[in-house]
């Protein structure tokens, strides 16, 4: 005997669409932000929420502001550094020679 499932053929969330089932929608406001590259991004917020001064641009990811004529400038980012670059900042060549000599003497002593 086959088992029957009461919700066969439907999915979670299926049913009549409308406010009666999901509640009333909150009042919203739309805000427009511009980045330094001239891109326009629209975002929607609850009417009771405080609007942010800076928002990420939808197109390029740069910071965007509400003033079209004076958009915020992106903070300069440092170039990527490898672990070796950080080690070279902390150690001088003389320190490196001493550490290398100690490591080689330990390796030769284990033979």
PDB file of N, CA and C in Angstrom:
ATOM      1  N   UNK A   1       0.845  -1.176   0.000  1.00  0.00           N
ATOM      2  CA  UNK A   1       0.000   0.000   0.000  1.00  0.00           C
ATOM      3  C   UNK A   1       0.891   1.240   0.000  1.00  0.00           C
ATOM      4  N   UNK A   2       0.627   2.152  -0.886  1.00  0.00           N
ATOM      5  CA  UNK A   2       1.405   3.383  -0.989  1.00  0.00           C
ATOM      6  C   UNK A   2       0.999   4.358   0.098  1.00  0.00           C
ATOM      7  N   UNK A   3       1.989   5.040   0.618  1.00  0.00           N
ATOM      8  CA  UNK A   3       1.679   6.030   1.652  1.00  0.00           C
ATOM      9  C   UNK A   3       1.299   7.332   0.974  1.00  0.00           C
ATOM     10  N   UNK A   4       0.369   8.042   1.551  1.00  0.00           N
ATOM     11  CA  UNK A   4      -0.009   9.332   0.973  1.00  0.00           C
ATOM     12  C   UNK A   4       0.541  10.439   1.851  1.00  0.00           C
ATOM     13  N   UNK A   5       0.872  11.500   1.198  1.00  0.00           N
ATOM     14  CA  UNK A   5       1.415  12.656   1.891  1.00  0.00           C
ATOM     15  C   UNK A   5       0.456  13.814   1.658  1.00  0.00           C
ATOM     16  N   UNK A   6       0.047  14.462   2.711  1.00  0.00           N
ATOM     17  CA  UNK A   6      -0.933  15.537   2.605  1.00  0.00           C
ATOM     18  C   UNK A   6      -0.448  16.750   1.845  1.00  0.00           C
ATOM     19  N   UNK A   7       0.870  16.964   1.775  1.00  0.00           N
ATOM     20  CA  UNK A   7       1.368  18.156   1.079  1.00  0.00           C
ATOM     21  C   UNK A   7       2.069  17.777  -0.217  1.00  0.00           C
ATOM     22  N   UNK A   8       1.739  16.645  -0.749  1.00  0.00           N
ATOM     23  CA  UNK A   8       2.376  16.201  -1.986  1.00  0.00           C
ATOM     24  C   UNK A   8       2.066  17.178  -3.122  1.00  0.00           C
ATOM     25  N   UNK A   9       3.082  17.522  -3.862  1.00  0.00           N
ATOM     26  CA  UNK A   9       2.893  18.408  -4.995  1.00  0.00           C
ATOM     27  C   UNK A   9       2.967  19.880  -4.648  1.00  0.00           C
ATOM     28  N   UNK A  10       3.275  20.210  -3.425  1.00  0.00           N
ATOM     29  CA  UNK A  10       3.424  21.621  -3.065  1.00  0.00           C
ATOM     30  C   UNK A  10       4.791  21.804  -2.429  1.00  0.00           C
ATOM     31  N   UNK A  11       5.145  23.021  -2.235  1.00  0.00           N
ATOM     32  CA  UNK A  11       6.435  23.315  -1.641  1.00  0.00           C
ATOM     33  C   UNK A  11       6.243  24.240  -0.445  1.00  0.00           C
ATOM     34  N   UNK A  12       7.281  24.390   0.331  1.00  0.00           N
ATOM     35  CA  UNK A  12       7.215  25.264   1.491  1.00  0.00           C
ATOM     36  C   UNK A  12       7.010  26.691   1.011  1.00  0.00           C
ATOM     37  N   UNK A  13       6.094  27.363   1.587  1.00  0.00           N
ATOM     38  CA  UNK A  13       5.806  28.737   1.212  1.00  0.00           C
ATOM     39  C   UNK A  13       4.758  28.844   0.119  1.00  0.00           C
ATOM     40  N   UNK A  14       4.328  27.699  -0.427  1.00  0.00           N
ATOM     41  CA  UNK A  14       3.317  27.751  -1.474  1.00  0.00           C
ATOM     42  C   UNK A  14       1.976  28.110  -0.857  1.00  0.00           C
ATOM     43  N   UNK A  15       1.198  28.797  -1.580  1.00  0.00           N
ATOM     44  CA  UNK A  15      -0.116  29.179  -1.097  1.00  0.00           C
ATOM     45  C   UNK A  15      -0.477  30.529  -1.635  1.00  0.00           C
ATOM     46  N   UNK A  16      -1.595  31.016  -1.225  1.00  0.00           N
ATOM     47  CA  UNK A  16      -2.030  32.311  -1.738  1.00  0.00           C
ATOM     48  C   UNK A  16      -1.089  33.418  -1.291  1.00  0.00           C
ATOM     49  N   UNK A  17      -0.742  34.278  -2.200  1.00  0.00           N
ATOM     50  CA  UNK A  17       0.129  35.401  -1.886  1.00  0.00           C
ATOM     51  C   UNK A  17      -0.737  36.556  -1.411  1.00  0.00           C
ATOM     52  N   UNK A  18      -0.252  37.264  -0.441  1.00  0.00           N
ATOM     53  CA  UNK A  18      -0.992  38.431  -0.003  1.00  0.00           C
ATOM     54  C   UNK A  18      -0.669  38.810   1.410  1.00  0.00           C
ATOM     55  N   UNK A  19      -1.113  39.996   1.784  1.00  0.00           N
ATOM     56  CA  UNK A  19      -0.839  40.503   3.118  1.00  0.00           C
ATOM     57  C   UNK A  19      -1.621  39.777   4.193  1.00  0.00           C
ATOM     58  N   UNK A  20      -2.729  39.161   3.838  1.00  0.00           N
ATOM     59  CA  UNK A  20      -3.539  38.503   4.858  1.00  0.00           C
ATOM     60  C   UNK A  20      -2.780  37.360   5.515  1.00  0.00           C
ATOM     61  N   UNK A  21      -1.938  36.691   4.763  1.00  0.00           N
ATOM     62  CA  UNK A  21      -1.207  35.565   5.307  1.00  0.00           C
ATOM     63  C   UNK A  21       0.141  35.961   5.900  1.00  0.00           C
ATOM     64  N   UNK A  22       0.763  36.990   5.371  1.00  0.00           N
ATOM     65  CA  UNK A  22       2.106  37.363   5.791  1.00  0.00           C
ATOM     66  C   UNK A  22       2.148  38.614   6.650  1.00  0.00           C
ATOM     67  N   UNK A  23       1.052  39.245   6.864  1.00  0.00           N
ATOM     68  CA  UNK A  23       1.029  40.468   7.653  1.00  0.00           C
ATOM     69  C   UNK A  23       1.158  41.683   6.760  1.00  0.00           C
ATOM     70  N   UNK A  24       0.955  42.843   7.332  1.00  0.00           N
ATOM     71  CA  UNK A  24       1.029  44.069   6.542  1.00  0.00           C
ATOM     72  C   UNK A  24       2.479  44.471   6.359  1.00  0.00           C
ATOM     73  N   UNK A  25       2.777  45.046   5.209  1.00  0.00           N
ATOM     74  CA  UNK A  25       4.141  45.500   4.937  1.00  0.00           C
ATOM     75  C   UNK A  25       4.395  46.812   5.666  1.00  0.00           C
ATOM     76  N   UNK A  26       5.614  46.951   6.131  1.00  0.00           N
ATOM     77  CA  UNK A  26       6.007  48.173   6.817  1.00  0.00           C
ATOM     78  C   UNK A  26       6.256  49.260   5.772  1.00  0.00           C
ATOM     79  N   UNK A  27       6.087  50.493   6.174  1.00  0.00           N
ATOM     80  CA  UNK A  27       6.328  51.613   5.257  1.00  0.00           C
ATOM     81  C   UNK A  27       7.826  51.703   4.962  1.00  0.00           C
ATOM     82  N   UNK A  28       8.164  51.887   3.675  1.00  0.00           N
ATOM     83  CA  UNK A  28       9.567  51.926   3.268  1.00  0.00           C
ATOM     84  C   UNK A  28       9.877  53.247   2.580  1.00  0.00           C
ATOM     85  N   UNK A  29      11.176  53.584   2.618  1.00  0.00           N
ATOM     86  CA  UNK A  29      11.666  54.753   1.887  1.00  0.00           C
ATOM     87  C   UNK A  29      12.805  54.296   0.985  1.00  0.00           C
ATOM     88  N   UNK A  30      12.977  54.993  -0.107  1.00  0.00           N
ATOM     89  CA  UNK A  30      14.043  54.686  -1.050  1.00  0.00           C
ATOM     90  C   UNK A  30      15.112  55.770  -0.950  1.00  0.00           C
ATOM     91  N   UNK A  31      16.368  55.347  -0.949  1.00  0.00           N
ATOM     92  CA  UNK A  31      17.488  56.293  -0.896  1.00  0.00           C
ATOM     93  C   UNK A  31      18.415  56.016  -2.071  1.00  0.00           C
ATOM     94  N   UNK A  32      18.950  57.069  -2.651  1.00  0.00           N
ATOM     95  CA  UNK A  32      19.867  56.947  -3.776  1.00  0.00           C
ATOM     96  C   UNK A  32      21.263  57.343  -3.318  1.00  0.00           C
ATOM     97  N   UNK A  33      22.242  56.514  -3.686  1.00  0.00           N
ATOM     98  CA  UNK A  33      23.629  56.744  -3.328  1.00  0.00           C
ATOM     99  C   UNK A  33      24.459  56.807  -4.606  1.00  0.00           C
ATOM    100  N   UNK A  34      25.495  57.659  -4.616  1.00  0.00           N
ATOM    101  CA  UNK A  34      26.401  57.798  -5.760  1.00  0.00           C
ATOM    102  C   UNK A  34      27.830  57.581  -5.291  1.00  0.00           C
ATOM    103  N   UNK A  35      28.597  56.863  -6.120  1.00  0.00           N
ATOM    104  CA  UNK A  35      30.013  56.643  -5.813  1.00  0.00           C
ATOM    105  C   UNK A  35      30.860  57.606  -6.645  1.00  0.00           C
ATOM    106  N   UNK A  36      32.162  57.601  -6.402  1.00  0.00           N
ATOM    107  CA  UNK A  36      33.074  58.503  -7.114  1.00  0.00           C
ATOM    108  C   UNK A  36      33.166  58.162  -8.599  1.00  0.00           C
ATOM    109  N   UNK A  37      32.785  56.938  -8.988  1.00  0.00           N
ATOM    110  CA  UNK A  37      32.820  56.530 -10.389  1.00  0.00           C
ATOM    111  C   UNK A  37      31.544  56.922 -11.136  1.00  0.00           C
ATOM    112  N   UNK A  38      30.605  57.576 -10.452  1.00  0.00           N
ATOM    113  CA  UNK A  38      29.380  58.034 -11.087  1.00  0.00           C
ATOM    114  C   UNK A  38      28.259  57.009 -11.110  1.00  0.00           C
ATOM    115  N   UNK A  39      28.444  55.865 -10.456  1.00  0.00           N
ATOM    116  CA  UNK A  39      27.395  54.850 -10.419  1.00  0.00           C
ATOM    117  C   UNK A  39      26.298  55.255  -9.446  1.00  0.00           C
ATOM    118  N   UNK A  40      25.087  54.886  -9.770  1.00  0.00           N
ATOM    119  CA  UNK A  40      23.926  55.185  -8.927  1.00  0.00           C
ATOM    120  C   UNK A  40      23.410  53.882  -8.329  1.00  0.00           C
ATOM    121  N   UNK A  41      23.211  53.863  -7.016  1.00  0.00           N
ATOM    122  CA  UNK A  41      22.701  52.689  -6.320  1.00  0.00           C
ATOM    123  C   UNK A  41      21.475  53.094  -5.523  1.00  0.00           C
ATOM    124  N   UNK A  42      20.395  52.340  -5.677  1.00  0.00           N
ATOM    125  CA  UNK A  42      19.183  52.604  -4.901  1.00  0.00           C
ATOM    126  C   UNK A  42      19.044  51.534  -3.839  1.00  0.00           C
ATOM    127  N   UNK A  43      18.705  51.937  -2.639  1.00  0.00           N
ATOM    128  CA  UNK A  43      18.487  51.016  -1.531  1.00  0.00           C
ATOM    129  C   UNK A  43      17.187  51.394  -0.840  1.00  0.00           C
ATOM    130  N   UNK A  44      16.497  50.387  -0.310  1.00  0.00           N
ATOM    131  CA  UNK A  44      15.227  50.612   0.369  1.00  0.00           C
ATOM    132  C   UNK A  44      15.404  50.321   1.852  1.00  0.00           C
ATOM    133  N   UNK A  45      14.839  51.191   2.673  1.00  0.00           N
ATOM    134  CA  UNK A  45      14.954  51.070   4.121  1.00  0.00           C
ATOM    135  C   UNK A  45      13.586  51.251   4.750  1.00  0.00           C
ATOM    136  N   UNK A  46      13.437  50.781   5.974  1.00  0.00           N
ATOM    137  CA  UNK A  46      12.214  51.035   6.727  1.00  0.00           C
ATOM    138  C   UNK A  46      12.135  52.532   6.997  1.00  0.00           C
ATOM    139  N   UNK A  47      10.930  53.068   6.963  1.00  0.00           N
ATOM    140  CA  UNK A  47      10.755  54.509   7.156  1.00  0.00           C
ATOM    141  C   UNK A  47      11.227  54.944   8.539  1.00  0.00           C
ATOM    142  N   UNK A  48      11.179  54.044   9.506  1.00  0.00           N
ATOM    143  CA  UNK A  48      11.578  54.398  10.872  1.00  0.00           C
ATOM    144  C   UNK A  48      13.093  54.264  11.082  1.00  0.00           C
ATOM    145  N   UNK A  49      13.818  53.694  10.125  1.00  0.00           N
ATOM    146  CA  UNK A  49      15.259  53.474  10.283  1.00  0.00           C
ATOM    147  C   UNK A  49      16.046  54.735   9.940  1.00  0.00           C
ATOM    148  N   UNK A  50      17.201  54.862  10.559  1.00  0.00           N
ATOM    149  CA  UNK A  50      18.120  55.958  10.226  1.00  0.00           C
ATOM    150  C   UNK A  50      18.867  55.573   8.955  1.00  0.00           C
ATOM    151  N   UNK A  51      18.908  56.479   7.992  1.00  0.00           N
ATOM    152  CA  UNK A  51      19.605  56.202   6.741  1.00  0.00           C
ATOM    153  C   UNK A  51      21.112  56.324   6.943  1.00  0.00           C
ATOM    154  N   UNK A  52      21.890  55.386   6.412  1.00  0.00           N
ATOM    155  CA  UNK A  52      23.350  55.479   6.552  1.00  0.00           C
ATOM    156  C   UNK A  52      23.903  56.577   5.662  1.00  0.00           C
ATOM    157  N   UNK A  53      25.027  57.154   6.067  1.00  0.00           N
ATOM    158  CA  UNK A  53      25.675  58.192   5.266  1.00  0.00           C
ATOM    159  C   UNK A  53      26.444  57.580   4.098  1.00  0.00           C
ATOM    160  N   UNK A  54      26.981  56.378   4.296  1.00  0.00           N
ATOM    161  CA  UNK A  54      27.783  55.712   3.275  1.00  0.00           C
ATOM    162  C   UNK A  54      27.195  54.324   3.022  1.00  0.00           C
ATOM    163  N   UNK A  55      27.163  53.945   1.738  1.00  0.00           N
ATOM    164  CA  UNK A  55      26.638  52.648   1.320  1.00  0.00           C
ATOM    165  C   UNK A  55      27.575  52.110   0.249  1.00  0.00           C
ATOM    166  N   UNK A  56      27.754  50.808   0.171  1.00  0.00           N
ATOM    167  CA  UNK A  56      28.621  50.233  -0.855  1.00  0.00           C
ATOM    168  C   UNK A  56      27.943  50.309  -2.212  1.00  0.00           C
ATOM    169  N   UNK A  57      28.703  50.726  -3.219  1.00  0.00           N
ATOM    170  CA  UNK A  57      28.190  50.813  -4.589  1.00  0.00           C
ATOM    171  C   UNK A  57      27.860  49.414  -5.103  1.00  0.00           C
ATOM    172  N   UNK A  58      26.706  49.286  -5.710  1.00  0.00           N
ATOM    173  CA  UNK A  58      26.262  48.001  -6.237  1.00  0.00           C
ATOM    174  C   UNK A  58      27.121  47.560  -7.414  1.00  0.00           C
ATOM    175  N   UNK A  59      27.696  48.496  -8.153  1.00  0.00           N
ATOM    176  CA  UNK A  59      28.435  48.169  -9.374  1.00  0.00           C
ATOM    177  C   UNK A  59      29.915  47.912  -9.134  1.00  0.00           C
ATOM    178  N   UNK A  60      30.579  48.790  -8.374  1.00  0.00           N
ATOM    179  CA  UNK A  60      32.040  48.656  -8.242  1.00  0.00           C
ATOM    180  C   UNK A  60      32.504  48.394  -6.808  1.00  0.00           C
ATOM    181  N   UNK A  61      31.626  48.487  -5.818  1.00  0.00           N
ATOM    182  CA  UNK A  61      32.009  48.213  -4.439  1.00  0.00           C
ATOM    183  C   UNK A  61      32.634  49.387  -3.713  1.00  0.00           C
ATOM    184  N   UNK A  62      32.802  50.510  -4.390  1.00  0.00           N
ATOM    185  CA  UNK A  62      33.380  51.699  -3.757  1.00  0.00           C
ATOM    186  C   UNK A  62      32.349  52.315  -2.807  1.00  0.00           C
ATOM    187  N   UNK A  63      32.793  53.098  -1.835  1.00  0.00           N
ATOM    188  CA  UNK A  63      31.816  53.756  -0.960  1.00  0.00           C
ATOM    189  C   UNK A  63      30.997  54.778  -1.740  1.00  0.00           C
ATOM    190  N   UNK A  64      29.708  54.819  -1.436  1.00  0.00           N
ATOM    191  CA  UNK A  64      28.796  55.744  -2.110  1.00  0.00           C
ATOM    192  C   UNK A  64      28.070  56.569  -1.058  1.00  0.00           C
ATOM    193  N   UNK A  65      27.804  57.824  -1.383  1.00  0.00           N
ATOM    194  CA  UNK A  65      27.118  58.727  -0.466  1.00  0.00           C
ATOM    195  C   UNK A  65      25.866  59.301  -1.104  1.00  0.00           C
ATOM    196  N   UNK A  66      25.104  60.030  -0.300  1.00  0.00           N
ATOM    197  CA  UNK A  66      23.842  60.578  -0.784  1.00  0.00           C
ATOM    198  C   UNK A  66      24.029  61.870  -1.569  1.00  0.00           C
ATOM    199  N   UNK A  67      25.179  62.520  -1.461  1.00  0.00           N
ATOM    200  CA  UNK A  67      25.444  63.756  -2.194  1.00  0.00           C
ATOM    201  C   UNK A  67      26.087  63.415  -3.536  1.00  0.00           C
ATOM    202  N   UNK A  68      25.358  63.667  -4.609  1.00  0.00           N
ATOM    203  CA  UNK A  68      25.847  63.309  -5.942  1.00  0.00           C
ATOM    204  C   UNK A  68      27.094  64.101  -6.332  1.00  0.00           C
ATOM    205  N   UNK A  69      27.176  65.357  -5.919  1.00  0.00           N
ATOM    206  CA  UNK A  69      28.298  66.216  -6.295  1.00  0.00           C
ATOM    207  C   UNK A  69      29.559  65.934  -5.475  1.00  0.00           C
ATOM    208  N   UNK A  70      29.414  65.413  -4.276  1.00  0.00           N
ATOM    209  CA  UNK A  70      30.562  65.141  -3.401  1.00  0.00           C
ATOM    210  C   UNK A  70      30.505  63.713  -2.874  1.00  0.00           C
ATOM    211  N   UNK A  71      30.762  62.715  -3.717  1.00  0.00           N
ATOM    212  CA  UNK A  71      30.731  61.330  -3.231  1.00  0.00           C
ATOM    213  C   UNK A  71      31.950  61.049  -2.358  1.00  0.00           C
ATOM    214  N   UNK A  72      31.848  60.113  -1.430  1.00  0.00           N
ATOM    215  CA  UNK A  72      33.005  59.789  -0.589  1.00  0.00           C
ATOM    216  C   UNK A  72      34.102  59.129  -1.411  1.00  0.00           C
ATOM    217  N   UNK A  73      35.330  59.366  -1.017  1.00  0.00           N
ATOM    218  CA  UNK A  73      36.472  58.757  -1.704  1.00  0.00           C
ATOM    219  C   UNK A  73      36.840  57.460  -0.989  1.00  0.00           C
ATOM    220  N   UNK A  74      37.312  56.515  -1.761  1.00  0.00           N
ATOM    221  CA  UNK A  74      37.704  55.227  -1.192  1.00  0.00           C
ATOM    222  C   UNK A  74      39.004  55.382  -0.413  1.00  0.00           C
ATOM    223  N   UNK A  75      39.075  54.716   0.709  1.00  0.00           N
ATOM    224  CA  UNK A  75      40.301  54.734   1.509  1.00  0.00           C
ATOM    225  C   UNK A  75      41.376  53.960   0.761  1.00  0.00           C
ATOM    226  N   UNK A  76      42.597  54.463   0.749  1.00  0.00           N
ATOM    227  CA  UNK A  76      43.652  53.738   0.032  1.00  0.00           C
ATOM    228  C   UNK A  76      43.926  52.404   0.703  1.00  0.00           C
ATOM    229  N   UNK A  77      44.118  51.386  -0.108  1.00  0.00           N
ATOM    230  CA  UNK A  77      44.395  50.056   0.424  1.00  0.00           C
ATOM    231  C   UNK A  77      45.859  49.733   0.204  1.00  0.00           C
ATOM    232  N   UNK A  78      46.435  49.059   1.166  1.00  0.00           N
ATOM    233  CA  UNK A  78      47.837  48.661   1.067  1.00  0.00           C
ATOM    234  C   UNK A  78      47.945  47.464   0.136  1.00  0.00           C
ATOM    235  N   UNK A  79      49.018  47.376  -0.619  1.00  0.00           N
ATOM    236  CA  UNK A  79      49.169  46.216  -1.504  1.00  0.00           C
ATOM    237  C   UNK A  79      49.350  44.945  -0.688  1.00  0.00           C
ATOM    238  N   UNK A  80      49.032  43.819  -1.301  1.00  0.00           N
ATOM    239  CA  UNK A  80      49.155  42.523  -0.639  1.00  0.00           C
ATOM    240  C   UNK A  80      50.614  42.232  -0.336  1.00  0.00           C
ATOM    241  N   UNK A  81      50.871  41.755   0.874  1.00  0.00           N
ATOM    242  CA  UNK A  81      52.231  41.382   1.260  1.00  0.00           C
ATOM    243  C   UNK A  81      52.255  39.901   1.605  1.00  0.00           C
ATOM    244  N   UNK A  82      53.328  39.251   1.221  1.00  0.00           N
ATOM    245  CA  UNK A  82      53.502  37.848   1.571  1.00  0.00           C
ATOM    246  C   UNK A  82      54.087  37.745   2.980  1.00  0.00           C
ATOM    247  N   UNK A  83      54.100  36.529   3.493  1.00  0.00           N
ATOM    248  CA  UNK A  83      54.685  36.298   4.805  1.00  0.00           C
ATOM    249  C   UNK A  83      56.165  36.681   4.802  1.00  0.00           C
ATOM    250  N   UNK A  84      56.847  36.367   3.704  1.00  0.00           N
ATOM    251  CA  UNK A  84      58.266  36.692   3.599  1.00  0.00           C
ATOM    252  C   UNK A  84      58.502  38.201   3.635  1.00  0.00           C
ATOM    253  N   UNK A  85      57.616  38.967   3.050  1.00  0.00           N
ATOM    254  CA  UNK A  85      57.761  40.423   3.075  1.00  0.00           C
ATOM    255  C   UNK A  85      57.667  40.951   4.500  1.00  0.00           C
ATOM    256  N   UNK A  86      56.743  40.386   5.305  1.00  0.00           N
ATOM    257  CA  UNK A  86      56.636  40.805   6.704  1.00  0.00           C
ATOM    258  C   UNK A  86      57.870  40.404   7.490  1.00  0.00           C
ATOM    259  N   UNK A  87      58.428  39.231   7.218  1.00  0.00           N
ATOM    260  CA  UNK A  87      59.642  38.788   7.907  1.00  0.00           C
ATOM    261  C   UNK A  87      60.804  39.712   7.563  1.00  0.00           C
ATOM    262  N   UNK A  88      60.901  40.106   6.302  1.00  0.00           N
ATOM    263  CA  UNK A  88      61.985  40.997   5.877  1.00  0.00           C
ATOM    264  C   UNK A  88      61.873  42.377   6.509  1.00  0.00           C
ATOM    265  N   UNK A  89      60.659  42.785   6.844  1.00  0.00           N
ATOM    266  CA  UNK A  89      60.498  44.071   7.539  1.00  0.00           C
ATOM    267  C   UNK A  89      61.031  44.000   8.962  1.00  0.00           C
ATOM    268  N   UNK A  90      60.876  42.832   9.599  1.00  0.00           N
ATOM    269  CA  UNK A  90      61.273  42.691  10.999  1.00  0.00           C
ATOM    270  C   UNK A  90      62.750  42.356  11.175  1.00  0.00           C
ATOM    271  N   UNK A  91      63.355  41.704  10.194  1.00  0.00           N
ATOM    272  CA  UNK A  91      64.726  41.223  10.335  1.00  0.00           C
ATOM    273  C   UNK A  91      65.663  41.923   9.350  1.00  0.00           C
ATOM    274  N   UNK A  92      66.887  42.138   9.812  1.00  0.00           N
ATOM    275  CA  UNK A  92      67.923  42.671   8.915  1.00  0.00           C
ATOM    276  C   UNK A  92      68.618  41.493   8.250  1.00  0.00           C
ATOM    277  N   UNK A  93      69.444  41.789   7.265  1.00  0.00           N
ATOM    278  CA  UNK A  93      70.207  40.727   6.595  1.00  0.00           C
ATOM    279  C   UNK A  93      71.166  40.044   7.568  1.00  0.00           C
ATOM    280  N   UNK A  94      71.744  40.806   8.493  1.00  0.00           N
ATOM    281  CA  UNK A  94      72.657  40.222   9.481  1.00  0.00           C
ATOM    282  C   UNK A  94      71.903  39.251  10.395  1.00  0.00           C
ATOM    283  N   UNK A  95      70.686  39.623  10.830  1.00  0.00           N
ATOM    284  CA  UNK A  95      69.876  38.710  11.649  1.00  0.00           C
ATOM    285  C   UNK A  95      69.554  37.435  10.880  1.00  0.00           C
ATOM    286  N   UNK A  96      69.262  37.574   9.599  1.00  0.00           N
ATOM    287  CA  UNK A  96      68.930  36.410   8.782  1.00  0.00           C
ATOM    288  C   UNK A  96      70.119  35.466   8.661  1.00  0.00           C
ATOM    289  N   UNK A  97      71.318  36.012   8.515  1.00  0.00           N
ATOM    290  CA  UNK A  97      72.518  35.177   8.419  1.00  0.00           C
ATOM    291  C   UNK A  97      72.756  34.408   9.710  1.00  0.00           C
ATOM    292  N   UNK A  98      72.531  35.072  10.848  1.00  0.00           N
ATOM    293  CA  UNK A  98      72.716  34.407  12.145  1.00  0.00           C
ATOM    294  C   UNK A  98      71.709  33.276  12.307  1.00  0.00           C
ATOM    295  N   UNK A  99      70.452  33.522  11.988  1.00  0.00           N
ATOM    296  CA  UNK A  99      69.416  32.491  12.103  1.00  0.00           C
ATOM    297  C   UNK A  99      69.695  31.326  11.160  1.00  0.00           C
ATOM    298  N   UNK A 100      70.145  31.629   9.949  1.00  0.00           N
ATOM    299  CA  UNK A 100      70.466  30.567   8.992  1.00  0.00           C
ATOM    300  C   UNK A 100      71.624  29.716   9.487  1.00  0.00           C
ATOM    301  N   UNK A 101      72.637  30.359  10.029  1.00  0.00           N
ATOM    302  CA  UNK A 101      73.791  29.615  10.556  1.00  0.00           C
ATOM    303  C   UNK A 101      73.372  28.714  11.717  1.00  0.00           C
ATOM    304  N   UNK A 102      72.507  29.205  12.611  1.00  0.00           N
ATOM    305  CA  UNK A 102      72.027  28.384  13.731  1.00  0.00           C
ATOM    306  C   UNK A 102      71.217  27.196  13.235  1.00  0.00           C
ATOM    307  N   UNK A 103      70.357  27.417  12.279  1.00  0.00           N
ATOM    308  CA  UNK A 103      69.531  26.328  11.751  1.00  0.00           C
ATOM    309  C   UNK A 103      70.384  25.277  11.051  1.00  0.00           C
ATOM    310  N   UNK A 104      71.391  25.716  10.272  1.00  0.00           N
ATOM    311  CA  UNK A 104      72.256  24.771   9.585  1.00  0.00           C
ATOM    312  C   UNK A 104      73.102  23.967  10.561  1.00  0.00           C
ATOM    313  N   UNK A 105      73.566  24.604  11.638  1.00  0.00           N
ATOM    314  CA  UNK A 105      74.367  23.871  12.634  1.00  0.00           C
ATOM    315  C   UNK A 105      73.504  22.841  13.344  1.00  0.00           C
ATOM    316  N   UNK A 106      72.244  23.136  13.616  1.00  0.00           N
ATOM    317  CA  UNK A 106      71.341  22.155  14.230  1.00  0.00           C
ATOM    318  C   UNK A 106      71.103  20.974  13.285  1.00  0.00           C
ATOM    319  N   UNK A 107      70.897  21.269  11.995  1.00  0.00           N
ATOM    320  CA  UNK A 107      70.678  20.195  11.037  1.00  0.00           C
ATOM    321  C   UNK A 107      71.917  19.321  10.881  1.00  0.00           C
ATOM    322  N   UNK A 108      73.081  19.939  10.844  1.00  0.00           N
ATOM    323  CA  UNK A 108      74.318  19.166  10.697  1.00  0.00           C
ATOM    324  C   UNK A 108      74.614  18.372  11.964  1.00  0.00           C
ATOM    325  N   UNK A 109      74.200  18.856  13.105  1.00  0.00           N
ATOM    326  CA  UNK A 109      74.420  18.155  14.372  1.00  0.00           C
ATOM    327  C   UNK A 109      73.537  16.931  14.505  1.00  0.00           C
ATOM    328  N   UNK A 110      72.402  16.887  13.830  1.00  0.00           N
ATOM    329  CA  UNK A 110      71.493  15.743  13.909  1.00  0.00           C
ATOM    330  C   UNK A 110      71.957  14.584  13.038  1.00  0.00           C
ATOM    331  N   UNK A 111      72.914  14.800  12.146  1.00  0.00           N
ATOM    332  CA  UNK A 111      73.349  13.719  11.242  1.00  0.00           C
ATOM    333  C   UNK A 111      74.223  12.742  11.923  1.00  0.00           C
TER     334      UNK A 111
END
